[in-house]
Amino acid sequence: MPVSDLIVRWGGLRAVAALAVKILIVIVLALVVPLLALDPFGATHAPAVEIHDEAEVVDDDALRSSLEGIGFRRDIRLAVFTTDDVDPYAKSDTVFNDAVLDYALNRQPSWISTADPDVWADGLVILAVSPQGRWVGCYFGEDVKVDLRTQQQIQDAAKGSFRMGRWDVGLQTMAQRTADSLGRPIASTEMAVFVAFMSLAAALVLLAWMFWSRHEARDAYTQARRHFTRITTDYDATQIRAGTIPADDAHGAQVLARFAWFEERYAGLVRLFGDFGSPRGAQWFMGGQRRRAQVLAASAKELDKVDDVIAAASAFLTLGPGWDKAWENEKGPVREDLASYTDLCTSVAESTRLAHVSFDVEADRAWIRSREDRLAAMTFELVLRRITPSAALSELDVIAADVHHRCESLARRALEADTSSLGQERLNRYEHARRADAYRSGGSDYQGWWSTSRSGRVQYNPATTIRVNSKSAGLRAPGLFASGTGPMPGFSSPVAGLVTGYSKASTYTPPSSSGGDFSGSGSSSHFSGGGISGGSSFHGSGSSSRF
């Protein structure tokens, strides 16, 4: 198959190029960055080796040959120095440093920088050992110096061999560890491992995000197609049902306002599907594809729900086939609010009991039972045609408004009954939260279920009720609240947040404080950064230690 045909099959040049860039970024993060951090490239420079075996413990020629075979990442002058001109009983940690410096000043002045006689020459690395004194050290020019931790690691690398008298092997090990450390973009091994790990993790996250985004886009598009197919199939039937809804009825008027919005958005949805097209191959990985597919799915889903509202309104307002199912769903928000009211009664009874406050919630519970009985009676009256569907919906509005009013009243009265020192503060916090709607943070929308001890959990769909609530489909329809029902009713949101608001306020206690200040002492230490200390002002980089 020609390359051009393959590119077209995978979604076109632009989509393939965008996917290739993302894959390249993943490769760089997963492979290139970790390799550079852990084992940087470019170690191709052979060092200029000097052997100064004053202790006569190494094979000069063999050692020089092995050291010249070690690759550095830059040009290095590598000096090996062995000496026993050190007091083996000296305990000062500067004695070996001073011995190396004395040798440089008296015998190897080229080791000292000409620009600054208080530091080592640029490009110089000195590896030193005292077999009898059992000292090992490493020293660096200013342009190649490393931190004290790395210096210690270089020295520690050789100590095992030095303890067995294998001086050549120990010096080779030091040189190799030095070569590994110099010129690294990240000098610390631990930090290099951390960077490599984070880069690999970023690559995996990016790769996972790419395939997750592709999956979400395809899933959203599948959902959008499913909803759109249902809307298209039922479109003619929806128009017929809308024609049966009485426009002079307050509840029917707001449904028809949503239907007008439905028709307008349906034409727009057709255009959206045309613009989205039928993505394939690399197109699913393109930036913004997931968001566009989700917008498409959300639009189609909302219109599908409006379609269900129109069907429910037509069936219920005309008491046609299926009106009973529409009525059961219509009672859902009110039943959920009554269940929340019951929970509030339980919460008030428990909190006032713990606070040793006499408070009776039986009147509230009796009212809840009476409204539940009324809901059952309304169903019977609808069956016998003793009440009109519109009157039943209006009575649901009245019950819903009463529930909100009674819940707020109960919560306030219970807090006012709290005569403790925190009672007024708790009431103030509740009032403030109520005014700011903060108590609704956990219940701004109906959940779509309620539960009772007798029937357990009962499900309903708040998005498809005829009466408007905070989760209704088509709330953005122009003129919705101006047609028939007026402004958005205050009982359109659930009272569940009131239960949460009361519980938080009634259990509020101020944070405890110790009444004292914490004080402590500590110590800090400073080090010279590896500079040699002694009787002079020399501060070249380097250090030594025992083995």
Protein backbone atom coordinates (compact mmCIF):
# COMPACT_ATOMS: atom_id res chain seq x y z
CA MET A 1 0.00 0.00 0.00
CA PRO A 2 1.44 3.43 -0.96
CA VAL A 3 2.48 5.69 1.91
CA SER A 4 0.00 8.36 0.83
CA ASP A 5 -2.88 5.88 1.00
CA LEU A 6 -1.72 4.70 4.43
CA ILE A 7 -1.61 8.30 5.70
CA VAL A 8 -5.12 8.93 4.41
CA ARG A 9 -6.32 5.72 6.01
CA TRP A 10 -4.85 6.85 9.34
CA GLY A 11 -6.66 10.17 9.27
CA GLY A 12 -4.57 12.46 7.09
CA LEU A 13 -1.15 14.09 7.22
CA ARG A 14 -2.00 16.59 9.96
CA ALA A 15 -3.34 13.93 12.36
CA VAL A 16 -0.46 11.53 11.65
CA ALA A 17 2.12 14.30 12.14
CA ALA A 18 0.54 15.34 15.47
CA LEU A 19 0.56 11.72 16.67
CA ALA A 20 4.19 11.30 15.58
CA VAL A 21 5.21 14.35 17.61
CA LYS A 22 3.50 12.97 20.71
CA ILE A 23 5.16 9.57 20.25
CA LEU A 24 8.52 11.31 19.82
CA ILE A 25 8.01 13.18 23.08
CA VAL A 26 7.20 9.90 24.83
CA ILE A 27 10.39 8.32 23.45
CA VAL A 28 12.49 11.28 24.58
CA LEU A 29 11.01 11.19 28.07
CA ALA A 30 11.16 7.40 28.41
CA LEU A 31 14.58 6.72 26.87
CA VAL A 32 16.70 9.76 26.02
CA VAL A 33 16.31 11.72 29.25
CA PRO A 34 16.91 8.71 31.57
CA LEU A 35 19.96 7.66 29.53
CA LEU A 36 21.42 11.15 29.65
CA ALA A 37 20.73 11.43 33.38
CA LEU A 38 22.05 8.00 34.37
CA ASP A 39 24.76 7.37 31.76
CA PRO A 40 25.50 10.55 29.78
CA PHE A 41 27.11 10.14 26.39
CA GLY A 42 30.36 11.65 25.17
CA ALA A 43 32.87 9.82 27.41
CA THR A 44 35.42 9.69 24.55
CA HIS A 45 38.28 11.84 25.87
CA ALA A 46 41.45 9.97 26.91
CA PRO A 47 43.12 11.62 29.94
CA ALA A 48 46.71 12.90 29.97
CA VAL A 49 48.08 10.58 32.68
CA GLU A 50 50.93 11.40 35.07
CA ILE A 51 52.29 8.82 37.52
CA HIS A 52 54.15 10.09 40.59
CA ASP A 53 54.78 6.89 42.52
CA GLU A 54 56.84 8.20 45.42
CA ALA A 55 55.85 5.21 47.57
CA GLU A 56 56.90 2.76 44.81
CA VAL A 57 53.80 0.58 45.06
CA VAL A 58 52.41 0.59 41.49
CA ASP A 59 53.51 -0.56 38.04
CA ASP A 60 53.83 2.80 36.29
CA ASP A 61 53.51 1.58 32.71
CA ALA A 62 50.60 -0.81 33.35
CA LEU A 63 48.74 1.72 35.42
CA ARG A 64 49.24 4.49 32.86
CA SER A 65 47.99 2.21 30.08
CA SER A 66 44.86 1.25 32.00
CA LEU A 67 44.09 4.83 33.01
CA GLU A 68 44.51 6.11 29.46
CA GLY A 69 41.86 3.60 28.40
CA ILE A 70 39.23 5.24 30.63
CA GLY A 71 37.01 7.64 28.73
CA PHE A 72 36.20 11.08 30.18
CA ARG A 73 33.65 13.56 28.89
CA ARG A 74 36.25 16.31 28.51
CA ASP A 75 40.01 16.70 28.34
CA ILE A 76 41.50 15.88 31.73
CA ARG A 77 45.01 15.94 33.16
CA LEU A 78 44.99 12.93 35.49
CA ALA A 79 47.78 12.84 38.06
CA VAL A 80 48.37 9.79 40.29
CA PHE A 81 50.37 10.46 43.43
CA THR A 82 51.51 7.89 46.02
CA THR A 83 53.54 8.85 49.07
CA ASP A 84 54.52 7.54 52.48
CA ASP A 85 55.84 10.92 53.58
CA VAL A 86 52.95 11.19 56.02
CA ASP A 87 52.94 10.63 59.79
CA PRO A 88 50.99 7.36 60.13
CA TYR A 89 49.94 8.33 63.66
CA ALA A 90 48.61 11.77 62.78
CA LYS A 91 44.93 12.13 63.57
CA SER A 92 44.24 15.45 61.86
CA ASP A 93 42.06 15.10 58.77
CA THR A 94 44.17 17.75 57.01
CA VAL A 95 47.56 16.03 57.30
CA PHE A 96 47.27 14.23 53.98
CA ASN A 97 45.85 17.28 52.22
CA ASP A 98 48.86 19.27 53.42
CA ALA A 99 51.24 16.57 52.20
CA VAL A 100 49.73 16.66 48.70
CA LEU A 101 49.86 20.46 48.64
CA ASP A 102 53.50 20.50 49.81
CA TYR A 103 54.45 18.08 47.06
CA ALA A 104 52.72 20.26 44.47
CA LEU A 105 54.39 23.46 45.69
CA ASN A 106 57.87 21.92 45.85
CA ARG A 107 57.87 19.33 43.08
CA GLN A 108 54.92 19.93 40.74
CA PRO A 109 54.18 23.68 40.51
CA SER A 110 52.14 23.08 37.32
CA TRP A 111 49.48 21.56 39.54
CA ILE A 112 48.79 25.04 40.92
CA SER A 113 46.71 27.50 38.93
CA THR A 114 48.67 30.37 37.41
CA ALA A 115 45.61 32.61 37.45
CA ASP A 116 44.90 31.97 41.14
CA PRO A 117 47.72 30.36 43.15
CA ASP A 118 45.26 29.38 45.89
CA VAL A 119 43.48 26.72 43.80
CA TRP A 120 44.40 23.74 41.65
CA ALA A 121 45.05 24.17 37.92
CA ASP A 122 42.12 23.93 35.54
CA GLY A 123 41.46 20.50 34.06
CA LEU A 124 43.53 18.76 36.76
CA VAL A 125 42.46 15.73 38.75
CA ILE A 126 44.79 14.30 41.41
CA LEU A 127 44.23 10.82 42.81
CA ALA A 128 46.45 10.27 45.87
CA VAL A 129 47.11 7.43 48.30
CA SER A 130 49.41 6.85 51.28
CA PRO A 131 49.87 3.08 51.75
CA GLN A 132 51.52 3.31 55.18
CA GLY A 133 49.49 6.28 56.43
CA ARG A 134 46.32 4.61 55.07
CA TRP A 135 45.06 7.83 53.53
CA VAL A 136 43.24 8.30 50.24
CA GLY A 137 42.36 11.63 48.64
CA CYS A 138 41.16 13.27 45.43
CA TYR A 139 41.65 16.89 44.31
CA PHE A 140 40.22 18.91 41.45
CA GLY A 141 40.78 22.02 39.42
CA GLU A 142 38.15 24.70 39.74
CA ASP A 143 36.56 23.90 36.37
CA VAL A 144 36.16 20.18 37.13
CA LYS A 145 35.48 20.17 40.87
CA VAL A 146 32.74 18.04 42.37
CA ASP A 147 30.93 18.21 45.68
CA LEU A 148 32.13 16.58 48.90
CA ARG A 149 29.61 13.74 48.63
CA THR A 150 30.96 12.78 45.21
CA GLN A 151 34.55 13.09 46.48
CA GLN A 152 33.70 10.69 49.29
CA GLN A 153 32.16 8.23 46.83
CA ILE A 154 35.32 8.34 44.68
CA GLN A 155 37.48 7.60 47.73
CA ASP A 156 35.16 4.88 49.04
CA ALA A 157 35.26 3.11 45.67
CA ALA A 158 38.98 2.31 46.17
CA LYS A 159 39.13 1.51 49.88
CA GLY A 160 38.30 -2.17 49.54
CA SER A 161 41.20 -2.71 47.10
CA PHE A 162 43.58 -0.53 49.15
CA ARG A 163 42.90 -2.56 52.30
CA MET A 164 44.09 -5.66 50.38
CA GLY A 165 47.17 -3.85 49.06
CA ARG A 166 45.88 -3.76 45.46
CA TRP A 167 47.04 -0.21 44.78
CA ASP A 168 46.78 -0.34 40.99
CA VAL A 169 43.23 -1.68 41.08
CA GLY A 170 42.16 0.87 43.68
CA LEU A 171 43.53 3.78 41.64
CA GLN A 172 41.86 2.48 38.48
CA THR A 173 38.57 2.25 40.38
CA MET A 174 38.98 5.82 41.59
CA ALA A 175 39.72 7.02 38.06
CA GLN A 176 36.67 5.23 36.66
CA ARG A 177 34.38 6.65 39.34
CA THR A 178 35.85 10.11 38.66
CA ALA A 179 35.19 9.71 34.93
CA ASP A 180 31.61 8.70 35.69
CA SER A 181 31.12 11.80 37.86
CA LEU A 182 32.76 14.52 35.76
CA GLY A 183 30.74 16.19 33.05
CA ARG A 184 27.41 14.73 34.10
CA PRO A 185 24.47 17.07 33.63
CA ILE A 186 23.40 15.93 37.10
CA ALA A 187 26.37 15.35 39.37
CA SER A 188 24.48 13.55 42.17
CA THR A 189 23.68 9.91 41.44
CA GLU A 190 20.60 10.07 43.62
CA MET A 191 19.31 13.14 41.81
CA ALA A 192 20.09 11.55 38.45
CA VAL A 193 18.04 8.48 39.43
CA PHE A 194 15.23 10.76 40.58
CA VAL A 195 15.23 12.73 37.31
CA ALA A 196 15.29 9.51 35.29
CA PHE A 197 12.40 8.09 37.30
CA MET A 198 10.34 11.27 36.96
CA SER A 199 11.01 11.44 33.23
CA LEU A 200 9.96 7.82 32.78
CA ALA A 201 6.88 8.44 34.90
CA ALA A 202 6.03 11.48 32.78
CA ALA A 203 6.36 9.38 29.63
CA LEU A 204 4.02 6.74 31.04
CA VAL A 205 1.53 9.41 32.15
CA LEU A 206 1.61 11.04 28.71
CA LEU A 207 1.19 7.69 26.99
CA ALA A 208 -1.65 6.72 29.32
CA TRP A 209 -3.29 10.12 28.80
CA MET A 210 -3.09 9.72 25.02
CA PHE A 211 -4.87 6.37 25.03
CA TRP A 212 -7.28 7.44 27.79
CA SER A 213 -8.18 10.56 25.81
CA ARG A 214 -8.67 8.44 22.69
CA HIS A 215 -10.87 6.00 24.60
CA GLU A 216 -12.92 8.82 26.16
CA ALA A 217 -13.36 10.51 22.76
CA ARG A 218 -14.54 7.32 21.09
CA ASP A 219 -16.81 6.46 24.00
CA ALA A 220 -18.33 9.97 24.01
CA TYR A 221 -18.86 9.80 20.25
CA THR A 222 -20.55 6.40 20.58
CA GLN A 223 -22.89 7.81 23.24
CA ALA A 224 -23.59 10.86 21.09
CA ARG A 225 -24.51 8.64 18.13
CA ARG A 226 -26.77 6.52 20.32
CA HIS A 227 -28.67 9.53 21.68
CA PHE A 228 -28.82 11.17 18.24
CA THR A 229 -30.25 8.00 16.70
CA ARG A 230 -33.00 7.90 19.32
CA ILE A 231 -33.80 11.58 18.79
CA THR A 232 -33.91 11.21 15.01
CA THR A 233 -36.02 8.06 15.16
CA ASP A 234 -38.55 9.64 17.53
CA TYR A 235 -38.51 13.13 16.00
CA ASP A 236 -41.84 12.90 14.19
CA ALA A 237 -43.48 11.25 17.19
CA THR A 238 -42.08 13.97 19.47
CA GLN A 239 -43.67 16.69 17.35
CA ILE A 240 -47.00 14.89 17.53
CA ARG A 241 -46.75 14.50 21.31
CA ALA A 242 -45.87 18.17 21.71
CA GLY A 243 -49.06 19.03 19.84
CA THR A 244 -51.13 17.23 22.51
CA ILE A 245 -49.69 19.29 25.39
CA PRO A 246 -52.11 22.06 26.43
CA ALA A 247 -50.40 25.43 25.90
CA ASP A 248 -52.80 27.21 28.29
CA ASP A 249 -51.67 25.05 31.20
CA ALA A 250 -48.85 26.49 33.34
CA HIS A 251 -46.92 23.22 33.44
CA GLY A 252 -47.61 22.48 29.78
CA ALA A 253 -46.39 25.97 28.80
CA GLN A 254 -42.93 25.45 30.32
CA VAL A 255 -42.67 22.05 28.61
CA LEU A 256 -43.52 23.65 25.27
CA ALA A 257 -40.88 26.31 25.90
CA ARG A 258 -38.36 23.50 26.22
CA PHE A 259 -39.74 21.88 23.07
CA ALA A 260 -39.16 25.08 21.06
CA TRP A 261 -35.59 25.11 22.34
CA PHE A 262 -35.33 21.39 21.47
CA GLU A 263 -36.23 22.02 17.83
CA GLU A 264 -33.73 24.84 17.51
CA ARG A 265 -30.94 22.80 19.12
CA TYR A 266 -31.80 19.75 17.01
CA ALA A 267 -30.84 21.62 13.84
CA GLY A 268 -27.64 22.74 15.52
CA LEU A 269 -26.88 19.18 16.62
CA VAL A 270 -27.17 17.99 13.03
CA ARG A 271 -24.57 20.59 12.05
CA LEU A 272 -22.30 19.55 14.94
CA PHE A 273 -22.32 15.95 13.76
CA GLY A 274 -21.54 17.11 10.24
CA ASP A 275 -18.58 19.19 11.47
CA PHE A 276 -17.30 16.37 13.67
CA GLY A 277 -17.37 13.88 10.81
CA SER A 278 -16.25 10.28 11.25
CA PRO A 279 -12.77 10.34 12.84
CA ARG A 280 -10.42 7.44 12.19
CA GLY A 281 -6.92 6.34 13.09
CA ALA A 282 -4.66 9.12 14.35
CA GLN A 283 -7.50 11.63 14.37
CA TRP A 284 -8.71 10.20 17.68
CA PHE A 285 -5.38 11.25 19.27
CA MET A 286 -5.60 14.88 18.13
CA GLY A 287 -5.78 17.59 20.76
CA GLY A 288 -9.32 18.76 21.48
CA GLN A 289 -10.95 15.69 19.95
CA ARG A 290 -12.03 14.36 23.33
CA ARG A 291 -13.51 17.71 24.36
CA ARG A 292 -15.37 18.09 21.06
CA ALA A 293 -16.76 14.55 21.34
CA GLN A 294 -17.88 15.18 24.94
CA VAL A 295 -19.60 18.42 23.95
CA LEU A 296 -21.35 16.51 21.18
CA ALA A 297 -22.39 13.75 23.60
CA ALA A 298 -23.62 16.23 26.22
CA SER A 299 -25.72 18.10 23.65
CA ALA A 300 -27.24 14.91 22.26
CA LYS A 301 -27.89 13.54 25.74
CA GLU A 302 -29.68 16.69 26.87
CA LEU A 303 -31.87 16.76 23.78
CA ASP A 304 -32.68 13.09 24.30
CA LYS A 305 -33.79 13.91 27.84
CA VAL A 306 -35.96 16.81 26.61
CA ASP A 307 -37.48 14.32 24.21
CA ASP A 308 -38.32 12.13 27.23
CA VAL A 309 -39.82 15.14 29.08
CA ILE A 310 -42.12 15.88 26.15
CA ALA A 311 -43.22 12.25 26.00
CA ALA A 312 -43.85 12.20 29.78
CA ALA A 313 -45.75 15.51 29.71
CA SER A 314 -47.91 14.38 26.80
CA ALA A 315 -48.78 11.10 28.53
CA PHE A 316 -49.43 12.59 31.99
CA LEU A 317 -51.23 15.83 31.10
CA THR A 318 -53.60 13.90 28.85
CA LEU A 319 -53.69 10.82 31.12
CA GLY A 320 -52.71 8.79 28.10
CA PRO A 321 -50.89 5.43 28.04
CA GLY A 322 -47.94 5.39 30.42
CA TRP A 323 -49.16 8.32 32.54
CA ASP A 324 -48.73 6.32 35.76
CA LYS A 325 -45.00 5.83 35.14
CA ALA A 326 -44.63 9.54 34.40
CA TRP A 327 -46.44 10.34 37.67
CA GLU A 328 -44.23 8.05 39.74
CA ASN A 329 -41.16 9.75 38.29
CA GLU A 330 -42.77 13.16 38.93
CA LYS A 331 -43.09 12.41 42.64
CA GLY A 332 -39.38 11.57 42.85
CA PRO A 333 -37.98 15.00 43.86
CA VAL A 334 -40.68 15.46 46.50
CA ARG A 335 -40.11 11.98 47.90
CA GLU A 336 -36.35 12.63 48.00
CA ASP A 337 -36.98 15.89 49.91
CA LEU A 338 -39.29 14.13 52.38
CA ALA A 339 -36.58 11.52 52.97
CA SER A 340 -34.07 14.32 53.64
CA TYR A 341 -36.58 15.94 56.02
CA THR A 342 -36.78 12.63 57.87
CA ASP A 343 -32.98 12.54 58.11
CA LEU A 344 -33.01 16.10 59.49
CA CYS A 345 -35.50 15.07 62.19
CA THR A 346 -33.20 12.21 63.18
CA SER A 347 -30.16 14.51 63.21
CA VAL A 348 -31.95 17.14 65.32
CA ALA A 349 -33.22 14.56 67.82
CA GLU A 350 -29.73 13.08 68.21
CA SER A 351 -27.84 16.39 68.51
CA THR A 352 -30.30 17.91 70.99
CA ARG A 353 -30.24 14.72 73.08
CA LEU A 354 -26.44 14.83 73.28
CA ALA A 355 -26.63 18.51 74.23
CA HIS A 356 -29.19 17.65 76.96
CA VAL A 357 -31.77 19.92 75.34
CA SER A 358 -35.48 19.09 75.42
CA PHE A 359 -36.73 19.21 71.84
CA ASP A 360 -39.64 17.41 70.17
CA VAL A 361 -39.64 16.50 66.45
CA GLU A 362 -42.75 14.31 66.52
CA ALA A 363 -44.91 17.03 64.93
CA ASP A 364 -42.50 17.20 62.00
CA ARG A 365 -42.49 13.44 61.61
CA ALA A 366 -46.28 13.38 61.69
CA TRP A 367 -46.41 16.00 58.93
CA ILE A 368 -44.02 13.92 56.80
CA ARG A 369 -46.28 10.88 57.20
CA SER A 370 -49.31 12.96 56.27
CA ARG A 371 -47.62 14.16 53.06
CA GLU A 372 -46.60 10.62 52.15
CA ASP A 373 -50.21 9.56 52.64
CA ARG A 374 -51.33 12.48 50.50
CA LEU A 375 -49.03 11.43 47.67
CA ALA A 376 -50.59 7.97 47.73
CA ALA A 377 -54.07 9.46 47.80
CA MET A 378 -53.31 11.72 44.83
CA THR A 379 -52.39 8.66 42.79
CA PHE A 380 -55.76 7.09 43.62
CA GLU A 381 -57.58 10.35 42.76
CA LEU A 382 -55.80 10.52 39.39
CA VAL A 383 -56.91 6.99 38.63
CA LEU A 384 -60.51 7.94 39.41
CA ARG A 385 -60.16 11.27 37.55
CA ARG A 386 -61.07 13.18 40.72
CA ILE A 387 -58.08 15.47 40.28
CA THR A 388 -56.59 16.86 37.07
CA PRO A 389 -52.94 16.22 36.18
CA SER A 390 -52.22 19.95 36.28
CA ALA A 391 -53.72 20.24 39.78
CA ALA A 392 -51.62 17.26 40.93
CA LEU A 393 -48.44 18.92 39.67
CA SER A 394 -49.37 22.20 41.37
CA GLU A 395 -49.99 20.36 44.63
CA LEU A 396 -46.50 18.81 44.32
CA ASP A 397 -45.18 22.37 44.07
CA VAL A 398 -46.98 23.27 47.29
CA ILE A 399 -45.65 20.22 49.14
CA ALA A 400 -42.11 20.89 47.90
CA ALA A 401 -42.27 24.53 49.06
CA ASP A 402 -43.61 23.43 52.46
CA VAL A 403 -40.79 20.90 52.89
CA HIS A 404 -38.17 23.59 52.27
CA HIS A 405 -39.85 26.02 54.66
CA ARG A 406 -40.33 23.43 57.42
CA CYS A 407 -36.76 22.11 57.12
CA GLU A 408 -35.29 25.58 57.51
CA SER A 409 -37.60 26.31 60.42
CA LEU A 410 -36.75 23.04 62.19
CA ALA A 411 -32.99 23.56 61.79
CA ARG A 412 -33.20 27.13 63.09
CA ARG A 413 -35.44 26.23 66.05
CA ALA A 414 -33.14 23.37 67.05
CA LEU A 415 -30.09 25.65 67.01
CA GLU A 416 -31.95 28.36 68.94
CA ALA A 417 -32.75 25.77 71.60
CA ASP A 418 -29.02 25.21 72.18
CA THR A 419 -28.36 27.23 75.38
CA SER A 420 -24.70 26.25 75.64
CA SER A 421 -21.89 28.78 75.32
CA LEU A 422 -21.54 27.80 71.65
CA GLY A 423 -25.25 27.97 70.84
CA GLN A 424 -25.27 31.49 69.42
CA GLU A 425 -22.09 30.89 67.43
CA ARG A 426 -23.57 27.73 65.90
CA LEU A 427 -26.75 29.58 64.95
CA ASN A 428 -24.75 32.42 63.40
CA ARG A 429 -22.70 29.97 61.36
CA TYR A 430 -25.83 28.26 60.11
CA GLU A 431 -27.49 31.55 59.15
CA HIS A 432 -24.37 32.72 57.35
CA ALA A 433 -24.10 29.44 55.44
CA ARG A 434 -27.78 29.58 54.54
CA ARG A 435 -27.50 33.10 53.18
CA ALA A 436 -24.40 32.21 51.17
CA ASP A 437 -25.93 28.92 49.97
CA ALA A 438 -22.84 27.20 51.36
CA TYR A 439 -25.03 24.51 52.86
CA ARG A 440 -25.92 23.37 49.35
CA SER A 441 -22.37 22.32 48.50
CA GLY A 442 -23.25 18.68 49.04
CA GLY A 443 -26.76 18.70 47.56
CA SER A 444 -27.13 21.25 44.76
CA ASP A 445 -28.80 18.64 42.52
CA TYR A 446 -31.24 15.85 43.16
CA GLN A 447 -29.57 12.45 43.41
CA GLY A 448 -32.34 10.53 41.64
CA TRP A 449 -33.24 8.19 44.50
CA TRP A 450 -34.67 8.02 47.99
CA SER A 451 -34.87 5.18 50.46
CA THR A 452 -37.35 3.99 53.03
CA SER A 453 -37.26 1.22 55.61
CA ARG A 454 -40.11 -0.55 53.82
CA SER A 455 -39.22 -0.31 50.13
CA GLY A 456 -35.47 0.29 50.28
CA ARG A 457 -33.91 2.46 47.60
CA VAL A 458 -36.25 3.75 44.91
CA GLN A 459 -34.82 5.22 41.70
CA TYR A 460 -36.20 7.99 39.49
CA ASN A 461 -34.84 10.37 36.84
CA PRO A 462 -34.81 14.03 37.96
CA ALA A 463 -33.73 15.20 34.49
CA THR A 464 -36.99 14.09 32.86
CA THR A 465 -39.60 15.43 35.31
CA ILE A 466 -42.27 17.80 34.03
CA ARG A 467 -41.85 20.09 37.04
CA VAL A 468 -38.63 22.03 36.77
CA ASN A 469 -35.79 21.23 39.14
CA SER A 470 -32.08 22.04 39.22
CA LYS A 471 -31.26 18.97 37.14
CA SER A 472 -33.98 19.33 34.51
CA ALA A 473 -33.04 19.07 30.84
CA GLY A 474 -33.48 22.20 28.74
CA LEU A 475 -33.14 24.76 31.53
CA ARG A 476 -31.45 27.13 29.08
CA ALA A 477 -34.56 27.35 26.92
CA PRO A 478 -35.41 31.05 26.26
CA GLY A 479 -38.56 32.18 28.06
CA LEU A 480 -38.80 28.98 30.09
CA PHE A 481 -39.51 30.64 33.44
CA ALA A 482 -41.47 33.49 31.90
CA SER A 483 -43.97 31.09 30.39
CA GLY A 484 -46.49 29.90 32.90
CA THR A 485 -44.36 29.12 35.97
CA GLY A 486 -42.61 32.44 36.48
CA PRO A 487 -39.05 32.63 37.91
CA MET A 488 -37.08 29.55 38.85
CA PRO A 489 -38.89 28.30 41.97
CA GLY A 490 -36.93 28.30 45.21
CA PHE A 491 -37.78 24.65 45.82
CA SER A 492 -36.12 23.53 42.59
CA SER A 493 -33.02 22.45 44.55
CA PRO A 494 -33.06 19.63 47.12
CA VAL A 495 -33.16 20.16 50.87
CA ALA A 496 -30.42 17.59 51.43
CA GLY A 497 -27.93 20.42 51.83
CA LEU A 498 -29.93 21.73 54.79
CA VAL A 499 -29.30 18.47 56.62
CA THR A 500 -25.57 18.82 55.98
CA GLY A 501 -25.65 22.50 56.95
CA TYR A 502 -27.43 21.78 60.21
CA SER A 503 -25.14 18.87 61.07
CA LYS A 504 -22.02 21.00 60.54
CA ALA A 505 -23.42 23.92 62.55
CA SER A 506 -24.80 21.83 65.44
CA THR A 507 -21.50 19.99 65.97
CA TYR A 508 -19.26 23.05 65.56
CA THR A 509 -16.58 23.50 68.20
CA PRO A 510 -13.79 26.09 67.96
CA PRO A 511 -10.33 24.72 67.22
CA SER A 512 -8.35 24.02 70.38
CA SER A 513 -5.18 25.95 71.07
CA SER A 514 -2.35 25.06 73.41
CA GLY A 515 -1.95 28.64 74.68
CA GLY A 516 1.81 28.45 74.48
CA ASP A 517 4.57 28.93 71.99
CA PHE A 518 6.76 26.14 70.73
CA SER A 519 10.42 26.70 71.18
CA GLY A 520 13.36 24.51 70.56
CA SER A 521 17.00 24.56 69.83
CA GLY A 522 19.10 23.10 67.14
CA SER A 523 22.49 23.33 65.61
CA SER A 524 23.83 23.81 62.16
CA SER A 525 27.20 23.16 60.69
CA HIS A 526 29.03 24.55 57.71
CA PHE A 527 31.77 23.02 55.67
CA SER A 528 34.27 24.56 53.33
CA GLY A 529 33.00 22.83 50.21
CA GLY A 530 36.04 20.57 49.98
CA GLY A 531 38.72 23.20 50.12
CA ILE A 532 42.11 22.14 51.55
CA SER A 533 42.80 23.76 54.88
CA GLY A 534 46.20 24.31 56.37
CA GLY A 535 48.65 26.99 57.27
CA SER A 536 48.14 28.86 53.98
CA SER A 537 45.22 30.47 52.22
CA PHE A 538 45.00 27.63 49.70
CA HIS A 539 41.41 26.57 49.15
CA GLY A 540 41.50 24.24 46.15
CA SER A 541 38.80 21.63 45.88
CA GLY A 542 39.54 18.22 47.36
CA SER A 543 39.42 16.02 50.44
CA SER A 544 40.87 12.89 51.99
CA SER A 545 39.84 10.08 54.31
CA ARG A 546 41.17 6.97 56.02
CA PHE A 547 40.82 3.46 54.71
